[in-house]
Amino acid sequence: GFHSISLNKDFGRGSWKLFDVLFH
């Protein structure tokens, strides 16, 4: 299930995923 969401630290540096969504 959903746990948390945060900004992707690697956005624009090889990754175009803006958010990281964590599931536990």
PDBML (XML) file of the C-alpha atoms, coordinates in Angstrom:
<?xml version="1.0" encoding="UTF-8" ?>
<PDBx:datablock datablockName="MODEL"
   xmlns:PDBx="http://pdbml.pdb.org/schema/pdbx-v50.xsd"
   xmlns:xsi="http://www.w3.org/2001/XMLSchema-instance"
   xsi:schemaLocation="http://pdbml.pdb.org/schema/pdbx-v50.xsd pdbx-v50.xsd">
   <PDBx:atom_siteCategory>
      <PDBx:atom_site id="1">
         <PDBx:B_iso_or_equiv>0.00</PDBx:B_iso_or_equiv>
         <PDBx:Cartn_x>0.000</PDBx:Cartn_x>
         <PDBx:Cartn_y>0.000</PDBx:Cartn_y>
         <PDBx:Cartn_z>0.000</PDBx:Cartn_z>
         <PDBx:auth_asym_id>A</PDBx:auth_asym_id>
         <PDBx:auth_atom_id>CA</PDBx:auth_atom_id>
         <PDBx:auth_comp_id>GLY</PDBx:auth_comp_id>
         <PDBx:auth_seq_id>1</PDBx:auth_seq_id>
         <PDBx:group_PDB>ATOM</PDBx:group_PDB>
         <PDBx:label_alt_id xsi:nil="true" />
         <PDBx:label_asym_id>A</PDBx:label_asym_id>
         <PDBx:label_atom_id>CA</PDBx:label_atom_id>
         <PDBx:label_comp_id>GLY</PDBx:label_comp_id>
         <PDBx:label_entity_id>1</PDBx:label_entity_id>
         <PDBx:label_seq_id>1</PDBx:label_seq_id>
         <PDBx:occupancy>1.00</PDBx:occupancy>
         <PDBx:pdbx_PDB_model_num>1</PDBx:pdbx_PDB_model_num>
         <PDBx:type_symbol>C</PDBx:type_symbol>
      </PDBx:atom_site>
      <PDBx:atom_site id="2">
         <PDBx:B_iso_or_equiv>0.00</PDBx:B_iso_or_equiv>
         <PDBx:Cartn_x>0.993</PDBx:Cartn_x>
         <PDBx:Cartn_y>3.636</PDBx:Cartn_y>
         <PDBx:Cartn_z>-0.378</PDBx:Cartn_z>
         <PDBx:auth_asym_id>A</PDBx:auth_asym_id>
         <PDBx:auth_atom_id>CA</PDBx:auth_atom_id>
         <PDBx:auth_comp_id>PHE</PDBx:auth_comp_id>
         <PDBx:auth_seq_id>2</PDBx:auth_seq_id>
         <PDBx:group_PDB>ATOM</PDBx:group_PDB>
         <PDBx:label_alt_id xsi:nil="true" />
         <PDBx:label_asym_id>A</PDBx:label_asym_id>
         <PDBx:label_atom_id>CA</PDBx:label_atom_id>
         <PDBx:label_comp_id>PHE</PDBx:label_comp_id>
         <PDBx:label_entity_id>1</PDBx:label_entity_id>
         <PDBx:label_seq_id>2</PDBx:label_seq_id>
         <PDBx:occupancy>1.00</PDBx:occupancy>
         <PDBx:pdbx_PDB_model_num>1</PDBx:pdbx_PDB_model_num>
         <PDBx:type_symbol>C</PDBx:type_symbol>
      </PDBx:atom_site>
      <PDBx:atom_site id="3">
         <PDBx:B_iso_or_equiv>0.00</PDBx:B_iso_or_equiv>
         <PDBx:Cartn_x>3.513</PDBx:Cartn_x>
         <PDBx:Cartn_y>4.858</PDBx:Cartn_y>
         <PDBx:Cartn_z>2.185</PDBx:Cartn_z>
         <PDBx:auth_asym_id>A</PDBx:auth_asym_id>
         <PDBx:auth_atom_id>CA</PDBx:auth_atom_id>
         <PDBx:auth_comp_id>HIS</PDBx:auth_comp_id>
         <PDBx:auth_seq_id>3</PDBx:auth_seq_id>
         <PDBx:group_PDB>ATOM</PDBx:group_PDB>
         <PDBx:label_alt_id xsi:nil="true" />
         <PDBx:label_asym_id>A</PDBx:label_asym_id>
         <PDBx:label_atom_id>CA</PDBx:label_atom_id>
         <PDBx:label_comp_id>HIS</PDBx:label_comp_id>
         <PDBx:label_entity_id>1</PDBx:label_entity_id>
         <PDBx:label_seq_id>3</PDBx:label_seq_id>
         <PDBx:occupancy>1.00</PDBx:occupancy>
         <PDBx:pdbx_PDB_model_num>1</PDBx:pdbx_PDB_model_num>
         <PDBx:type_symbol>C</PDBx:type_symbol>
      </PDBx:atom_site>
      <PDBx:atom_site id="4">
         <PDBx:B_iso_or_equiv>0.00</PDBx:B_iso_or_equiv>
         <PDBx:Cartn_x>4.931</PDBx:Cartn_x>
         <PDBx:Cartn_y>8.212</PDBx:Cartn_y>
         <PDBx:Cartn_z>1.080</PDBx:Cartn_z>
         <PDBx:auth_asym_id>A</PDBx:auth_asym_id>
         <PDBx:auth_atom_id>CA</PDBx:auth_atom_id>
         <PDBx:auth_comp_id>SER</PDBx:auth_comp_id>
         <PDBx:auth_seq_id>4</PDBx:auth_seq_id>
         <PDBx:group_PDB>ATOM</PDBx:group_PDB>
         <PDBx:label_alt_id xsi:nil="true" />
         <PDBx:label_asym_id>A</PDBx:label_asym_id>
         <PDBx:label_atom_id>CA</PDBx:label_atom_id>
         <PDBx:label_comp_id>SER</PDBx:label_comp_id>
         <PDBx:label_entity_id>1</PDBx:label_entity_id>
         <PDBx:label_seq_id>4</PDBx:label_seq_id>
         <PDBx:occupancy>1.00</PDBx:occupancy>
         <PDBx:pdbx_PDB_model_num>1</PDBx:pdbx_PDB_model_num>
         <PDBx:type_symbol>C</PDBx:type_symbol>
      </PDBx:atom_site>
      <PDBx:atom_site id="5">
         <PDBx:B_iso_or_equiv>0.00</PDBx:B_iso_or_equiv>
         <PDBx:Cartn_x>5.751</PDBx:Cartn_x>
         <PDBx:Cartn_y>10.456</PDBx:Cartn_y>
         <PDBx:Cartn_z>-1.844</PDBx:Cartn_z>
         <PDBx:auth_asym_id>A</PDBx:auth_asym_id>
         <PDBx:auth_atom_id>CA</PDBx:auth_atom_id>
         <PDBx:auth_comp_id>ILE</PDBx:auth_comp_id>
         <PDBx:auth_seq_id>5</PDBx:auth_seq_id>
         <PDBx:group_PDB>ATOM</PDBx:group_PDB>
         <PDBx:label_alt_id xsi:nil="true" />
         <PDBx:label_asym_id>A</PDBx:label_asym_id>
         <PDBx:label_atom_id>CA</PDBx:label_atom_id>
         <PDBx:label_comp_id>ILE</PDBx:label_comp_id>
         <PDBx:label_entity_id>1</PDBx:label_entity_id>
         <PDBx:label_seq_id>5</PDBx:label_seq_id>
         <PDBx:occupancy>1.00</PDBx:occupancy>
         <PDBx:pdbx_PDB_model_num>1</PDBx:pdbx_PDB_model_num>
         <PDBx:type_symbol>C</PDBx:type_symbol>
      </PDBx:atom_site>
      <PDBx:atom_site id="6">
         <PDBx:B_iso_or_equiv>0.00</PDBx:B_iso_or_equiv>
         <PDBx:Cartn_x>8.799</PDBx:Cartn_x>
         <PDBx:Cartn_y>12.651</PDBx:Cartn_y>
         <PDBx:Cartn_z>-2.352</PDBx:Cartn_z>
         <PDBx:auth_asym_id>A</PDBx:auth_asym_id>
         <PDBx:auth_atom_id>CA</PDBx:auth_atom_id>
         <PDBx:auth_comp_id>SER</PDBx:auth_comp_id>
         <PDBx:auth_seq_id>6</PDBx:auth_seq_id>
         <PDBx:group_PDB>ATOM</PDBx:group_PDB>
         <PDBx:label_alt_id xsi:nil="true" />
         <PDBx:label_asym_id>A</PDBx:label_asym_id>
         <PDBx:label_atom_id>CA</PDBx:label_atom_id>
         <PDBx:label_comp_id>SER</PDBx:label_comp_id>
         <PDBx:label_entity_id>1</PDBx:label_entity_id>
         <PDBx:label_seq_id>6</PDBx:label_seq_id>
         <PDBx:occupancy>1.00</PDBx:occupancy>
         <PDBx:pdbx_PDB_model_num>1</PDBx:pdbx_PDB_model_num>
         <PDBx:type_symbol>C</PDBx:type_symbol>
      </PDBx:atom_site>
      <PDBx:atom_site id="7">
         <PDBx:B_iso_or_equiv>0.00</PDBx:B_iso_or_equiv>
         <PDBx:Cartn_x>10.530</PDBx:Cartn_x>
         <PDBx:Cartn_y>14.642</PDBx:Cartn_y>
         <PDBx:Cartn_z>-5.074</PDBx:Cartn_z>
         <PDBx:auth_asym_id>A</PDBx:auth_asym_id>
         <PDBx:auth_atom_id>CA</PDBx:auth_atom_id>
         <PDBx:auth_comp_id>LEU</PDBx:auth_comp_id>
         <PDBx:auth_seq_id>7</PDBx:auth_seq_id>
         <PDBx:group_PDB>ATOM</PDBx:group_PDB>
         <PDBx:label_alt_id xsi:nil="true" />
         <PDBx:label_asym_id>A</PDBx:label_asym_id>
         <PDBx:label_atom_id>CA</PDBx:label_atom_id>
         <PDBx:label_comp_id>LEU</PDBx:label_comp_id>
         <PDBx:label_entity_id>1</PDBx:label_entity_id>
         <PDBx:label_seq_id>7</PDBx:label_seq_id>
         <PDBx:occupancy>1.00</PDBx:occupancy>
         <PDBx:pdbx_PDB_model_num>1</PDBx:pdbx_PDB_model_num>
         <PDBx:type_symbol>C</PDBx:type_symbol>
      </PDBx:atom_site>
      <PDBx:atom_site id="8">
         <PDBx:B_iso_or_equiv>0.00</PDBx:B_iso_or_equiv>
         <PDBx:Cartn_x>12.933</PDBx:Cartn_x>
         <PDBx:Cartn_y>12.607</PDBx:Cartn_y>
         <PDBx:Cartn_z>-7.184</PDBx:Cartn_z>
         <PDBx:auth_asym_id>A</PDBx:auth_asym_id>
         <PDBx:auth_atom_id>CA</PDBx:auth_atom_id>
         <PDBx:auth_comp_id>ASN</PDBx:auth_comp_id>
         <PDBx:auth_seq_id>8</PDBx:auth_seq_id>
         <PDBx:group_PDB>ATOM</PDBx:group_PDB>
         <PDBx:label_alt_id xsi:nil="true" />
         <PDBx:label_asym_id>A</PDBx:label_asym_id>
         <PDBx:label_atom_id>CA</PDBx:label_atom_id>
         <PDBx:label_comp_id>ASN</PDBx:label_comp_id>
         <PDBx:label_entity_id>1</PDBx:label_entity_id>
         <PDBx:label_seq_id>8</PDBx:label_seq_id>
         <PDBx:occupancy>1.00</PDBx:occupancy>
         <PDBx:pdbx_PDB_model_num>1</PDBx:pdbx_PDB_model_num>
         <PDBx:type_symbol>C</PDBx:type_symbol>
      </PDBx:atom_site>
      <PDBx:atom_site id="9">
         <PDBx:B_iso_or_equiv>0.00</PDBx:B_iso_or_equiv>
         <PDBx:Cartn_x>16.426</PDBx:Cartn_x>
         <PDBx:Cartn_y>13.925</PDBx:Cartn_y>
         <PDBx:Cartn_z>-6.423</PDBx:Cartn_z>
         <PDBx:auth_asym_id>A</PDBx:auth_asym_id>
         <PDBx:auth_atom_id>CA</PDBx:auth_atom_id>
         <PDBx:auth_comp_id>LYS</PDBx:auth_comp_id>
         <PDBx:auth_seq_id>9</PDBx:auth_seq_id>
         <PDBx:group_PDB>ATOM</PDBx:group_PDB>
         <PDBx:label_alt_id xsi:nil="true" />
         <PDBx:label_asym_id>A</PDBx:label_asym_id>
         <PDBx:label_atom_id>CA</PDBx:label_atom_id>
         <PDBx:label_comp_id>LYS</PDBx:label_comp_id>
         <PDBx:label_entity_id>1</PDBx:label_entity_id>
         <PDBx:label_seq_id>9</PDBx:label_seq_id>
         <PDBx:occupancy>1.00</PDBx:occupancy>
         <PDBx:pdbx_PDB_model_num>1</PDBx:pdbx_PDB_model_num>
         <PDBx:type_symbol>C</PDBx:type_symbol>
      </PDBx:atom_site>
      <PDBx:atom_site id="10">
         <PDBx:B_iso_or_equiv>0.00</PDBx:B_iso_or_equiv>
         <PDBx:Cartn_x>17.678</PDBx:Cartn_x>
         <PDBx:Cartn_y>12.673</PDBx:Cartn_y>
         <PDBx:Cartn_z>-9.783</PDBx:Cartn_z>
         <PDBx:auth_asym_id>A</PDBx:auth_asym_id>
         <PDBx:auth_atom_id>CA</PDBx:auth_atom_id>
         <PDBx:auth_comp_id>ASP</PDBx:auth_comp_id>
         <PDBx:auth_seq_id>10</PDBx:auth_seq_id>
         <PDBx:group_PDB>ATOM</PDBx:group_PDB>
         <PDBx:label_alt_id xsi:nil="true" />
         <PDBx:label_asym_id>A</PDBx:label_asym_id>
         <PDBx:label_atom_id>CA</PDBx:label_atom_id>
         <PDBx:label_comp_id>ASP</PDBx:label_comp_id>
         <PDBx:label_entity_id>1</PDBx:label_entity_id>
         <PDBx:label_seq_id>10</PDBx:label_seq_id>
         <PDBx:occupancy>1.00</PDBx:occupancy>
         <PDBx:pdbx_PDB_model_num>1</PDBx:pdbx_PDB_model_num>
         <PDBx:type_symbol>C</PDBx:type_symbol>
      </PDBx:atom_site>
      <PDBx:atom_site id="11">
         <PDBx:B_iso_or_equiv>0.00</PDBx:B_iso_or_equiv>
         <PDBx:Cartn_x>15.025</PDBx:Cartn_x>
         <PDBx:Cartn_y>14.518</PDBx:Cartn_y>
         <PDBx:Cartn_z>-11.805</PDBx:Cartn_z>
         <PDBx:auth_asym_id>A</PDBx:auth_asym_id>
         <PDBx:auth_atom_id>CA</PDBx:auth_atom_id>
         <PDBx:auth_comp_id>PHE</PDBx:auth_comp_id>
         <PDBx:auth_seq_id>11</PDBx:auth_seq_id>
         <PDBx:group_PDB>ATOM</PDBx:group_PDB>
         <PDBx:label_alt_id xsi:nil="true" />
         <PDBx:label_asym_id>A</PDBx:label_asym_id>
         <PDBx:label_atom_id>CA</PDBx:label_atom_id>
         <PDBx:label_comp_id>PHE</PDBx:label_comp_id>
         <PDBx:label_entity_id>1</PDBx:label_entity_id>
         <PDBx:label_seq_id>11</PDBx:label_seq_id>
         <PDBx:occupancy>1.00</PDBx:occupancy>
         <PDBx:pdbx_PDB_model_num>1</PDBx:pdbx_PDB_model_num>
         <PDBx:type_symbol>C</PDBx:type_symbol>
      </PDBx:atom_site>
      <PDBx:atom_site id="12">
         <PDBx:B_iso_or_equiv>0.00</PDBx:B_iso_or_equiv>
         <PDBx:Cartn_x>16.706</PDBx:Cartn_x>
         <PDBx:Cartn_y>16.132</PDBx:Cartn_y>
         <PDBx:Cartn_z>-14.816</PDBx:Cartn_z>
         <PDBx:auth_asym_id>A</PDBx:auth_asym_id>
         <PDBx:auth_atom_id>CA</PDBx:auth_atom_id>
         <PDBx:auth_comp_id>GLY</PDBx:auth_comp_id>
         <PDBx:auth_seq_id>12</PDBx:auth_seq_id>
         <PDBx:group_PDB>ATOM</PDBx:group_PDB>
         <PDBx:label_alt_id xsi:nil="true" />
         <PDBx:label_asym_id>A</PDBx:label_asym_id>
         <PDBx:label_atom_id>CA</PDBx:label_atom_id>
         <PDBx:label_comp_id>GLY</PDBx:label_comp_id>
         <PDBx:label_entity_id>1</PDBx:label_entity_id>
         <PDBx:label_seq_id>12</PDBx:label_seq_id>
         <PDBx:occupancy>1.00</PDBx:occupancy>
         <PDBx:pdbx_PDB_model_num>1</PDBx:pdbx_PDB_model_num>
         <PDBx:type_symbol>C</PDBx:type_symbol>
      </PDBx:atom_site>
      <PDBx:atom_site id="13">
         <PDBx:B_iso_or_equiv>0.00</PDBx:B_iso_or_equiv>
         <PDBx:Cartn_x>19.914</PDBx:Cartn_x>
         <PDBx:Cartn_y>14.177</PDBx:Cartn_y>
         <PDBx:Cartn_z>-14.226</PDBx:Cartn_z>
         <PDBx:auth_asym_id>A</PDBx:auth_asym_id>
         <PDBx:auth_atom_id>CA</PDBx:auth_atom_id>
         <PDBx:auth_comp_id>ARG</PDBx:auth_comp_id>
         <PDBx:auth_seq_id>13</PDBx:auth_seq_id>
         <PDBx:group_PDB>ATOM</PDBx:group_PDB>
         <PDBx:label_alt_id xsi:nil="true" />
         <PDBx:label_asym_id>A</PDBx:label_asym_id>
         <PDBx:label_atom_id>CA</PDBx:label_atom_id>
         <PDBx:label_comp_id>ARG</PDBx:label_comp_id>
         <PDBx:label_entity_id>1</PDBx:label_entity_id>
         <PDBx:label_seq_id>13</PDBx:label_seq_id>
         <PDBx:occupancy>1.00</PDBx:occupancy>
         <PDBx:pdbx_PDB_model_num>1</PDBx:pdbx_PDB_model_num>
         <PDBx:type_symbol>C</PDBx:type_symbol>
      </PDBx:atom_site>
      <PDBx:atom_site id="14">
         <PDBx:B_iso_or_equiv>0.00</PDBx:B_iso_or_equiv>
         <PDBx:Cartn_x>19.189</PDBx:Cartn_x>
         <PDBx:Cartn_y>11.019</PDBx:Cartn_y>
         <PDBx:Cartn_z>-16.145</PDBx:Cartn_z>
         <PDBx:auth_asym_id>A</PDBx:auth_asym_id>
         <PDBx:auth_atom_id>CA</PDBx:auth_atom_id>
         <PDBx:auth_comp_id>GLY</PDBx:auth_comp_id>
         <PDBx:auth_seq_id>14</PDBx:auth_seq_id>
         <PDBx:group_PDB>ATOM</PDBx:group_PDB>
         <PDBx:label_alt_id xsi:nil="true" />
         <PDBx:label_asym_id>A</PDBx:label_asym_id>
         <PDBx:label_atom_id>CA</PDBx:label_atom_id>
         <PDBx:label_comp_id>GLY</PDBx:label_comp_id>
         <PDBx:label_entity_id>1</PDBx:label_entity_id>
         <PDBx:label_seq_id>14</PDBx:label_seq_id>
         <PDBx:occupancy>1.00</PDBx:occupancy>
         <PDBx:pdbx_PDB_model_num>1</PDBx:pdbx_PDB_model_num>
         <PDBx:type_symbol>C</PDBx:type_symbol>
      </PDBx:atom_site>
      <PDBx:atom_site id="15">
         <PDBx:B_iso_or_equiv>0.00</PDBx:B_iso_or_equiv>
         <PDBx:Cartn_x>15.677</PDBx:Cartn_x>
         <PDBx:Cartn_y>10.570</PDBx:Cartn_y>
         <PDBx:Cartn_z>-14.770</PDBx:Cartn_z>
         <PDBx:auth_asym_id>A</PDBx:auth_asym_id>
         <PDBx:auth_atom_id>CA</PDBx:auth_atom_id>
         <PDBx:auth_comp_id>SER</PDBx:auth_comp_id>
         <PDBx:auth_seq_id>15</PDBx:auth_seq_id>
         <PDBx:group_PDB>ATOM</PDBx:group_PDB>
         <PDBx:label_alt_id xsi:nil="true" />
         <PDBx:label_asym_id>A</PDBx:label_asym_id>
         <PDBx:label_atom_id>CA</PDBx:label_atom_id>
         <PDBx:label_comp_id>SER</PDBx:label_comp_id>
         <PDBx:label_entity_id>1</PDBx:label_entity_id>
         <PDBx:label_seq_id>15</PDBx:label_seq_id>
         <PDBx:occupancy>1.00</PDBx:occupancy>
         <PDBx:pdbx_PDB_model_num>1</PDBx:pdbx_PDB_model_num>
         <PDBx:type_symbol>C</PDBx:type_symbol>
      </PDBx:atom_site>
      <PDBx:atom_site id="16">
         <PDBx:B_iso_or_equiv>0.00</PDBx:B_iso_or_equiv>
         <PDBx:Cartn_x>12.485</PDBx:Cartn_x>
         <PDBx:Cartn_y>12.274</PDBx:Cartn_y>
         <PDBx:Cartn_z>-15.897</PDBx:Cartn_z>
         <PDBx:auth_asym_id>A</PDBx:auth_asym_id>
         <PDBx:auth_atom_id>CA</PDBx:auth_atom_id>
         <PDBx:auth_comp_id>TRP</PDBx:auth_comp_id>
         <PDBx:auth_seq_id>16</PDBx:auth_seq_id>
         <PDBx:group_PDB>ATOM</PDBx:group_PDB>
         <PDBx:label_alt_id xsi:nil="true" />
         <PDBx:label_asym_id>A</PDBx:label_asym_id>
         <PDBx:label_atom_id>CA</PDBx:label_atom_id>
         <PDBx:label_comp_id>TRP</PDBx:label_comp_id>
         <PDBx:label_entity_id>1</PDBx:label_entity_id>
         <PDBx:label_seq_id>16</PDBx:label_seq_id>
         <PDBx:occupancy>1.00</PDBx:occupancy>
         <PDBx:pdbx_PDB_model_num>1</PDBx:pdbx_PDB_model_num>
         <PDBx:type_symbol>C</PDBx:type_symbol>
      </PDBx:atom_site>
      <PDBx:atom_site id="17">
         <PDBx:B_iso_or_equiv>0.00</PDBx:B_iso_or_equiv>
         <PDBx:Cartn_x>10.384</PDBx:Cartn_x>
         <PDBx:Cartn_y>10.928</PDBx:Cartn_y>
         <PDBx:Cartn_z>-13.069</PDBx:Cartn_z>
         <PDBx:auth_asym_id>A</PDBx:auth_asym_id>
         <PDBx:auth_atom_id>CA</PDBx:auth_atom_id>
         <PDBx:auth_comp_id>LYS</PDBx:auth_comp_id>
         <PDBx:auth_seq_id>17</PDBx:auth_seq_id>
         <PDBx:group_PDB>ATOM</PDBx:group_PDB>
         <PDBx:label_alt_id xsi:nil="true" />
         <PDBx:label_asym_id>A</PDBx:label_asym_id>
         <PDBx:label_atom_id>CA</PDBx:label_atom_id>
         <PDBx:label_comp_id>LYS</PDBx:label_comp_id>
         <PDBx:label_entity_id>1</PDBx:label_entity_id>
         <PDBx:label_seq_id>17</PDBx:label_seq_id>
         <PDBx:occupancy>1.00</PDBx:occupancy>
         <PDBx:pdbx_PDB_model_num>1</PDBx:pdbx_PDB_model_num>
         <PDBx:type_symbol>C</PDBx:type_symbol>
      </PDBx:atom_site>
      <PDBx:atom_site id="18">
         <PDBx:B_iso_or_equiv>0.00</PDBx:B_iso_or_equiv>
         <PDBx:Cartn_x>9.409</PDBx:Cartn_x>
         <PDBx:Cartn_y>13.951</PDBx:Cartn_y>
         <PDBx:Cartn_z>-10.969</PDBx:Cartn_z>
         <PDBx:auth_asym_id>A</PDBx:auth_asym_id>
         <PDBx:auth_atom_id>CA</PDBx:auth_atom_id>
         <PDBx:auth_comp_id>LEU</PDBx:auth_comp_id>
         <PDBx:auth_seq_id>18</PDBx:auth_seq_id>
         <PDBx:group_PDB>ATOM</PDBx:group_PDB>
         <PDBx:label_alt_id xsi:nil="true" />
         <PDBx:label_asym_id>A</PDBx:label_asym_id>
         <PDBx:label_atom_id>CA</PDBx:label_atom_id>
         <PDBx:label_comp_id>LEU</PDBx:label_comp_id>
         <PDBx:label_entity_id>1</PDBx:label_entity_id>
         <PDBx:label_seq_id>18</PDBx:label_seq_id>
         <PDBx:occupancy>1.00</PDBx:occupancy>
         <PDBx:pdbx_PDB_model_num>1</PDBx:pdbx_PDB_model_num>
         <PDBx:type_symbol>C</PDBx:type_symbol>
      </PDBx:atom_site>
      <PDBx:atom_site id="19">
         <PDBx:B_iso_or_equiv>0.00</PDBx:B_iso_or_equiv>
         <PDBx:Cartn_x>8.194</PDBx:Cartn_x>
         <PDBx:Cartn_y>12.039</PDBx:Cartn_y>
         <PDBx:Cartn_z>-7.897</PDBx:Cartn_z>
         <PDBx:auth_asym_id>A</PDBx:auth_asym_id>
         <PDBx:auth_atom_id>CA</PDBx:auth_atom_id>
         <PDBx:auth_comp_id>PHE</PDBx:auth_comp_id>
         <PDBx:auth_seq_id>19</PDBx:auth_seq_id>
         <PDBx:group_PDB>ATOM</PDBx:group_PDB>
         <PDBx:label_alt_id xsi:nil="true" />
         <PDBx:label_asym_id>A</PDBx:label_asym_id>
         <PDBx:label_atom_id>CA</PDBx:label_atom_id>
         <PDBx:label_comp_id>PHE</PDBx:label_comp_id>
         <PDBx:label_entity_id>1</PDBx:label_entity_id>
         <PDBx:label_seq_id>19</PDBx:label_seq_id>
         <PDBx:occupancy>1.00</PDBx:occupancy>
         <PDBx:pdbx_PDB_model_num>1</PDBx:pdbx_PDB_model_num>
         <PDBx:type_symbol>C</PDBx:type_symbol>
      </PDBx:atom_site>
      <PDBx:atom_site id="20">
         <PDBx:B_iso_or_equiv>0.00</PDBx:B_iso_or_equiv>
         <PDBx:Cartn_x>9.208</PDBx:Cartn_x>
         <PDBx:Cartn_y>8.904</PDBx:Cartn_y>
         <PDBx:Cartn_z>-6.051</PDBx:Cartn_z>
         <PDBx:auth_asym_id>A</PDBx:auth_asym_id>
         <PDBx:auth_atom_id>CA</PDBx:auth_atom_id>
         <PDBx:auth_comp_id>ASP</PDBx:auth_comp_id>
         <PDBx:auth_seq_id>20</PDBx:auth_seq_id>
         <PDBx:group_PDB>ATOM</PDBx:group_PDB>
         <PDBx:label_alt_id xsi:nil="true" />
         <PDBx:label_asym_id>A</PDBx:label_asym_id>
         <PDBx:label_atom_id>CA</PDBx:label_atom_id>
         <PDBx:label_comp_id>ASP</PDBx:label_comp_id>
         <PDBx:label_entity_id>1</PDBx:label_entity_id>
         <PDBx:label_seq_id>20</PDBx:label_seq_id>
         <PDBx:occupancy>1.00</PDBx:occupancy>
         <PDBx:pdbx_PDB_model_num>1</PDBx:pdbx_PDB_model_num>
         <PDBx:type_symbol>C</PDBx:type_symbol>
      </PDBx:atom_site>
      <PDBx:atom_site id="21">
         <PDBx:B_iso_or_equiv>0.00</PDBx:B_iso_or_equiv>
         <PDBx:Cartn_x>6.233</PDBx:Cartn_x>
         <PDBx:Cartn_y>7.009</PDBx:Cartn_y>
         <PDBx:Cartn_z>-4.669</PDBx:Cartn_z>
         <PDBx:auth_asym_id>A</PDBx:auth_asym_id>
         <PDBx:auth_atom_id>CA</PDBx:auth_atom_id>
         <PDBx:auth_comp_id>VAL</PDBx:auth_comp_id>
         <PDBx:auth_seq_id>21</PDBx:auth_seq_id>
         <PDBx:group_PDB>ATOM</PDBx:group_PDB>
         <PDBx:label_alt_id xsi:nil="true" />
         <PDBx:label_asym_id>A</PDBx:label_asym_id>
         <PDBx:label_atom_id>CA</PDBx:label_atom_id>
         <PDBx:label_comp_id>VAL</PDBx:label_comp_id>
         <PDBx:label_entity_id>1</PDBx:label_entity_id>
         <PDBx:label_seq_id>21</PDBx:label_seq_id>
         <PDBx:occupancy>1.00</PDBx:occupancy>
         <PDBx:pdbx_PDB_model_num>1</PDBx:pdbx_PDB_model_num>
         <PDBx:type_symbol>C</PDBx:type_symbol>
      </PDBx:atom_site>
      <PDBx:atom_site id="22">
         <PDBx:B_iso_or_equiv>0.00</PDBx:B_iso_or_equiv>
         <PDBx:Cartn_x>7.053</PDBx:Cartn_x>
         <PDBx:Cartn_y>4.469</PDBx:Cartn_y>
         <PDBx:Cartn_z>-1.967</PDBx:Cartn_z>
         <PDBx:auth_asym_id>A</PDBx:auth_asym_id>
         <PDBx:auth_atom_id>CA</PDBx:auth_atom_id>
         <PDBx:auth_comp_id>LEU</PDBx:auth_comp_id>
         <PDBx:auth_seq_id>22</PDBx:auth_seq_id>
         <PDBx:group_PDB>ATOM</PDBx:group_PDB>
         <PDBx:label_alt_id xsi:nil="true" />
         <PDBx:label_asym_id>A</PDBx:label_asym_id>
         <PDBx:label_atom_id>CA</PDBx:label_atom_id>
         <PDBx:label_comp_id>LEU</PDBx:label_comp_id>
         <PDBx:label_entity_id>1</PDBx:label_entity_id>
         <PDBx:label_seq_id>22</PDBx:label_seq_id>
         <PDBx:occupancy>1.00</PDBx:occupancy>
         <PDBx:pdbx_PDB_model_num>1</PDBx:pdbx_PDB_model_num>
         <PDBx:type_symbol>C</PDBx:type_symbol>
      </PDBx:atom_site>
      <PDBx:atom_site id="23">
         <PDBx:B_iso_or_equiv>0.00</PDBx:B_iso_or_equiv>
         <PDBx:Cartn_x>4.898</PDBx:Cartn_x>
         <PDBx:Cartn_y>1.428</PDBx:Cartn_y>
         <PDBx:Cartn_z>-1.210</PDBx:Cartn_z>
         <PDBx:auth_asym_id>A</PDBx:auth_asym_id>
         <PDBx:auth_atom_id>CA</PDBx:auth_atom_id>
         <PDBx:auth_comp_id>PHE</PDBx:auth_comp_id>
         <PDBx:auth_seq_id>23</PDBx:auth_seq_id>
         <PDBx:group_PDB>ATOM</PDBx:group_PDB>
         <PDBx:label_alt_id xsi:nil="true" />
         <PDBx:label_asym_id>A</PDBx:label_asym_id>
         <PDBx:label_atom_id>CA</PDBx:label_atom_id>
         <PDBx:label_comp_id>PHE</PDBx:label_comp_id>
         <PDBx:label_entity_id>1</PDBx:label_entity_id>
         <PDBx:label_seq_id>23</PDBx:label_seq_id>
         <PDBx:occupancy>1.00</PDBx:occupancy>
         <PDBx:pdbx_PDB_model_num>1</PDBx:pdbx_PDB_model_num>
         <PDBx:type_symbol>C</PDBx:type_symbol>
      </PDBx:atom_site>
      <PDBx:atom_site id="24">
         <PDBx:B_iso_or_equiv>0.00</PDBx:B_iso_or_equiv>
         <PDBx:Cartn_x>5.220</PDBx:Cartn_x>
         <PDBx:Cartn_y>-0.702</PDBx:Cartn_y>
         <PDBx:Cartn_z>1.913</PDBx:Cartn_z>
         <PDBx:auth_asym_id>A</PDBx:auth_asym_id>
         <PDBx:auth_atom_id>CA</PDBx:auth_atom_id>
         <PDBx:auth_comp_id>HIS</PDBx:auth_comp_id>
         <PDBx:auth_seq_id>24</PDBx:auth_seq_id>
         <PDBx:group_PDB>ATOM</PDBx:group_PDB>
         <PDBx:label_alt_id xsi:nil="true" />
         <PDBx:label_asym_id>A</PDBx:label_asym_id>
         <PDBx:label_atom_id>CA</PDBx:label_atom_id>
         <PDBx:label_comp_id>HIS</PDBx:label_comp_id>
         <PDBx:label_entity_id>1</PDBx:label_entity_id>
         <PDBx:label_seq_id>24</PDBx:label_seq_id>
         <PDBx:occupancy>1.00</PDBx:occupancy>
         <PDBx:pdbx_PDB_model_num>1</PDBx:pdbx_PDB_model_num>
         <PDBx:type_symbol>C</PDBx:type_symbol>
      </PDBx:atom_site>
   </PDBx:atom_siteCategory>
</PDBx:datablock>
